[in-house]
Protein backbone atom coordinates (compact mmCIF):
# COMPACT_ATOMS: atom_id res chain seq x y z
CA MET A 1 -76.03 -60.34 -180.65
CA GLU A 2 -73.58 -61.19 -177.88
CA HIS A 3 -76.05 -63.71 -176.44
CA MET A 4 -76.47 -65.29 -179.89
CA ARG A 5 -72.69 -65.56 -180.28
CA GLN A 6 -72.39 -67.24 -176.88
CA LEU A 7 -75.17 -69.70 -177.70
CA LYS A 8 -73.53 -70.52 -181.04
CA GLU A 9 -70.19 -71.04 -179.32
CA PHE A 10 -71.81 -73.30 -176.72
CA GLY A 11 -73.47 -75.31 -179.50
CA SER A 12 -70.15 -75.74 -181.30
CA ARG A 13 -68.38 -76.84 -178.13
CA SER A 14 -71.12 -79.30 -177.23
CA GLU A 15 -71.12 -80.80 -180.74
CA PHE A 16 -67.37 -81.24 -181.11
CA GLY A 17 -65.60 -80.72 -177.83
CA LEU A 18 -67.47 -82.28 -174.91
CA TYR A 19 -67.45 -85.99 -175.75
CA GLN A 20 -64.82 -87.94 -177.73
CA ALA A 21 -63.57 -84.72 -179.29
CA LYS A 22 -60.53 -86.30 -180.97
CA GLU A 23 -62.53 -89.12 -182.54
CA LYS A 24 -65.24 -86.79 -183.84
CA SER A 25 -62.59 -84.41 -185.20
CA ARG A 26 -60.97 -87.24 -187.14
CA LEU A 27 -64.24 -88.50 -188.58
CA GLN A 28 -65.62 -85.07 -189.50
CA GLY A 29 -62.71 -82.73 -190.14
CA GLY A 30 -60.17 -85.38 -191.11
CA VAL A 31 -61.94 -86.15 -194.38
CA LEU A 32 -61.58 -82.57 -195.66
CA LEU A 33 -58.03 -82.37 -194.30
CA LYS A 34 -57.12 -85.48 -196.28
CA GLN A 35 -58.50 -83.92 -199.49
CA ILE A 36 -56.55 -80.70 -198.90
CA LEU A 37 -53.27 -82.54 -198.32
CA GLU A 38 -53.85 -84.66 -201.42
CA ASN A 39 -54.24 -81.47 -203.45
CA VAL A 40 -51.06 -80.04 -201.93
CA THR A 41 -49.10 -83.23 -202.64
CA ARG A 42 -50.41 -83.31 -206.20
CA SER A 43 -49.30 -79.71 -206.69
CA VAL A 44 -45.80 -80.51 -205.43
CA ASN A 45 -45.46 -83.58 -207.65
CA GLU A 46 -47.11 -82.09 -210.72
CA THR A 47 -45.46 -82.34 -214.10
CA ASN A 48 -46.07 -80.72 -217.45
CA SER A 49 -48.63 -83.42 -218.25
CA THR A 50 -50.79 -82.70 -215.18
CA PRO A 51 -53.09 -79.68 -214.67
CA HIS A 52 -51.36 -76.72 -213.05
CA LEU A 53 -53.69 -75.37 -210.36
CA LYS A 54 -52.80 -72.15 -208.57
CA MET A 55 -55.82 -72.06 -206.26
CA ILE A 56 -58.52 -74.42 -205.02
CA MET A 57 -61.56 -73.06 -203.18
CA TYR A 58 -64.20 -74.91 -201.18
CA SER A 59 -67.55 -73.51 -200.08
CA ALA A 60 -68.77 -74.99 -196.81
CA HIS A 61 -70.83 -74.44 -193.67
CA ASP A 62 -69.44 -73.03 -190.42
CA THR A 63 -69.54 -76.51 -188.87
CA THR A 64 -67.19 -77.73 -191.62
CA ILE A 65 -64.62 -75.07 -190.67
CA ILE A 66 -65.02 -75.96 -187.00
CA ALA A 67 -64.45 -79.66 -187.71
CA LEU A 68 -61.37 -78.87 -189.80
CA GLN A 69 -59.88 -76.60 -187.14
CA MET A 70 -60.70 -79.10 -184.41
CA ALA A 71 -58.84 -81.77 -186.35
CA LEU A 72 -55.83 -79.46 -186.69
CA GLY A 73 -55.99 -78.48 -183.00
CA ILE A 74 -56.29 -74.75 -183.73
CA TYR A 75 -59.97 -74.02 -183.05
CA SER A 76 -60.67 -70.86 -181.03
CA LEU A 77 -64.01 -69.20 -181.87
CA ALA A 78 -67.10 -70.14 -183.86
CA PRO A 79 -66.84 -68.88 -187.47
CA THR A 80 -68.87 -65.86 -188.47
CA TYR A 81 -70.61 -65.40 -191.82
CA ALA A 82 -68.14 -65.64 -194.74
CA ALA A 83 -65.29 -66.86 -192.53
CA CYS A 84 -62.31 -68.19 -194.47
CA HIS A 85 -59.57 -70.71 -193.62
CA ILE A 86 -56.58 -70.45 -195.96
CA PHE A 87 -53.77 -72.93 -196.67
CA GLU A 88 -50.77 -71.53 -198.57
CA LEU A 89 -47.99 -73.63 -200.08
CA TYR A 90 -44.57 -72.04 -200.61
CA GLN A 91 -41.43 -73.28 -202.32
CA GLU A 92 -38.36 -71.93 -200.54
CA THR A 93 -35.11 -70.89 -202.22
CA ASN A 94 -33.49 -74.21 -201.30
CA GLY A 95 -36.25 -76.11 -203.12
CA SER A 96 -38.11 -77.31 -200.00
CA TYR A 97 -41.79 -76.66 -199.38
CA THR A 98 -43.51 -75.03 -196.42
CA MET A 99 -47.15 -74.58 -195.40
CA GLU A 100 -48.78 -71.54 -193.85
CA MET A 101 -52.34 -71.20 -192.56
CA TYR A 102 -54.41 -68.04 -192.21
CA TYR A 103 -57.86 -67.48 -190.80
CA ARG A 104 -60.24 -64.62 -191.49
CA ASN A 105 -63.20 -64.55 -189.12
CA GLU A 106 -64.50 -61.04 -189.74
CA SER A 107 -64.68 -58.60 -192.63
CA ASN A 108 -63.06 -55.65 -190.85
CA SER A 109 -59.65 -57.23 -190.31
CA LYS A 110 -57.03 -59.06 -192.33
CA PRO A 111 -56.52 -62.82 -192.02
CA TYR A 112 -54.27 -63.73 -189.12
CA LEU A 113 -51.58 -66.36 -189.12
CA LEU A 114 -52.27 -69.75 -187.54
CA THR A 115 -49.65 -72.14 -186.18
CA LEU A 116 -50.06 -75.89 -186.27
CA PRO A 117 -49.30 -77.41 -182.83
CA SER A 118 -45.79 -78.91 -182.62
CA CYS A 119 -44.69 -76.91 -185.67
CA THR A 120 -43.67 -73.40 -186.68
CA GLU A 121 -45.59 -70.68 -188.52
CA LYS A 122 -43.83 -71.65 -191.75
CA CYS A 123 -44.23 -75.37 -191.19
CA PRO A 124 -42.14 -77.69 -193.39
CA LEU A 125 -44.52 -79.61 -195.62
CA HIS A 126 -43.26 -83.06 -194.63
CA LYS A 127 -43.73 -82.23 -190.94
CA PHE A 128 -47.17 -80.72 -191.57
CA ILE A 129 -48.27 -83.93 -193.31
CA GLU A 130 -46.74 -86.05 -190.55
CA ILE A 131 -48.60 -84.18 -187.78
CA ALA A 132 -51.88 -84.02 -189.69
CA ALA A 133 -51.77 -87.74 -190.55
CA GLU A 134 -52.85 -88.59 -186.99
CA MET A 135 -56.16 -86.80 -187.58
CA ILE A 136 -56.98 -88.46 -190.92
CA PRO A 137 -59.10 -91.64 -190.72
CA LYS A 138 -57.56 -94.62 -192.49
CA ASN A 139 -60.95 -96.20 -193.26
CA TRP A 140 -63.71 -93.67 -192.67
CA ALA A 141 -66.63 -96.03 -193.38
CA LYS A 142 -65.32 -98.71 -191.02
CA GLU A 143 -64.47 -96.29 -188.22
CA CYS A 144 -67.98 -94.80 -188.41
CA GLU A 145 -69.64 -98.19 -187.88
CA LEU A 146 -71.37 -98.66 -184.55
CA HIS A 147 -70.70 -101.81 -182.53
CA ARG A 148 -73.68 -104.00 -181.71
CA SER A 149 -73.34 -103.26 -177.98
CA THR A 150 -73.38 -99.54 -178.69
CA ILE A 151 -76.56 -99.88 -180.75
CA GLN A 152 -78.24 -101.87 -177.97
CA ILE A 153 -77.32 -99.28 -175.34
CA GLU A 154 -78.59 -96.40 -177.48
CA LEU A 155 -81.82 -98.32 -178.20
CA LEU A 156 -82.34 -98.97 -174.49
CA LEU A 157 -81.71 -95.33 -173.62
CA GLY A 158 -84.14 -94.24 -176.32
CA LEU A 159 -86.85 -96.53 -174.95
CA VAL A 160 -86.30 -95.28 -171.38
CA VAL A 161 -86.46 -91.63 -172.44
CA GLY A 162 -89.56 -92.30 -174.55
CA CYS A 163 -91.35 -94.06 -171.66
CA CYS A 164 -90.50 -91.22 -169.29
CA LEU A 165 -91.88 -88.62 -171.71
CA LEU A 166 -95.04 -90.71 -172.19
CA LEU A 167 -95.51 -90.98 -168.42
CA VAL A 168 -95.15 -87.23 -167.99
CA LEU A 169 -97.70 -86.65 -170.74
CA ILE A 170 -100.19 -89.05 -169.11
CA VAL A 171 -99.81 -87.39 -165.70
CA PHE A 172 -100.30 -83.97 -167.28
CA CYS A 173 -103.47 -85.07 -169.10
CA VAL A 174 -104.91 -86.65 -165.93
CA LYS A 175 -104.22 -83.47 -163.98
CA LEU A 176 -105.99 -81.33 -166.59
CA GLN A 177 -108.96 -83.70 -166.61
CA CYS A 178 -109.27 -83.52 -162.82
CA GLN A 179 -109.21 -79.72 -162.91
CA ASP A 180 -111.96 -79.64 -165.56
CA LYS A 181 -114.06 -82.07 -163.49
CA ASP A 182 -113.78 -79.89 -160.38
CA GLU A 183 -114.93 -76.84 -162.31
CA THR A 184 -118.04 -78.64 -163.70
CA LEU A 185 -119.31 -79.91 -160.32
CA GLY A 186 -121.18 -76.59 -159.78
CA TYR A 187 -120.11 -75.83 -156.25
CA GLN A 188 -121.61 -72.55 -155.00
CA LYS A 189 -120.74 -70.45 -152.03
CA LEU A 190 -123.39 -70.54 -149.27
CA ALA A 191 -124.57 -67.18 -148.06
CA SER A 192 -123.75 -66.37 -144.46
CA HIS A 193 -126.38 -65.31 -141.85
CA CYS A 194 -125.35 -61.67 -142.18
CA GLU A 195 -125.65 -61.73 -145.97
CA GLU A 196 -129.15 -63.28 -145.70
CA SER A 197 -130.26 -60.60 -143.20
CA GLU A 198 -129.13 -57.84 -145.52
CA LYS A 199 -131.13 -59.32 -148.41
CA MET A 200 -134.40 -59.56 -146.38
CA PRO A 201 -136.74 -56.58 -146.90
CA SER A 202 -137.15 -54.29 -143.92
CA VAL A 203 -140.64 -54.10 -142.26
């Protein structure tokens, strides 16, 4: 199980953290983060005419939690089965609002408190939104578009890799064919003089 956990962790790091981590975090985790903050803002500004929601729950894959935590800059370990990331909104006695985050990554322990970088455990809502805004894409569809030069480079790399794999396959097939040909030639070992003498009947 430890090997499986390490492989899963390596897969998560390679998918999100090795190349353009900040950009991928914005484009993958920033979308969900934007939705969460919109729900929080709606709850703060709600009136008697708007629905009064006490809790909103999302069901998602482990990669969704990783992307969200990467966007927030608080990722540590790959989520286990039934992991849970919690956002809690509080109204303080002075009327201001604060945000707290908790993370439960195993069933045998209680959720532990998370701290947003550059903020406190009980992060003021306006500061939380200000920090998180950097990780929310302004135009997700446009930012996800590939430039023509990028497409050409990826196409060229794909062709090179495909040709190399085809060449390896051809060499492998030729080698197998040569081995089969050698085996069908019918070479036989010639008997030595001693072996022939032993086979001759004695007079």
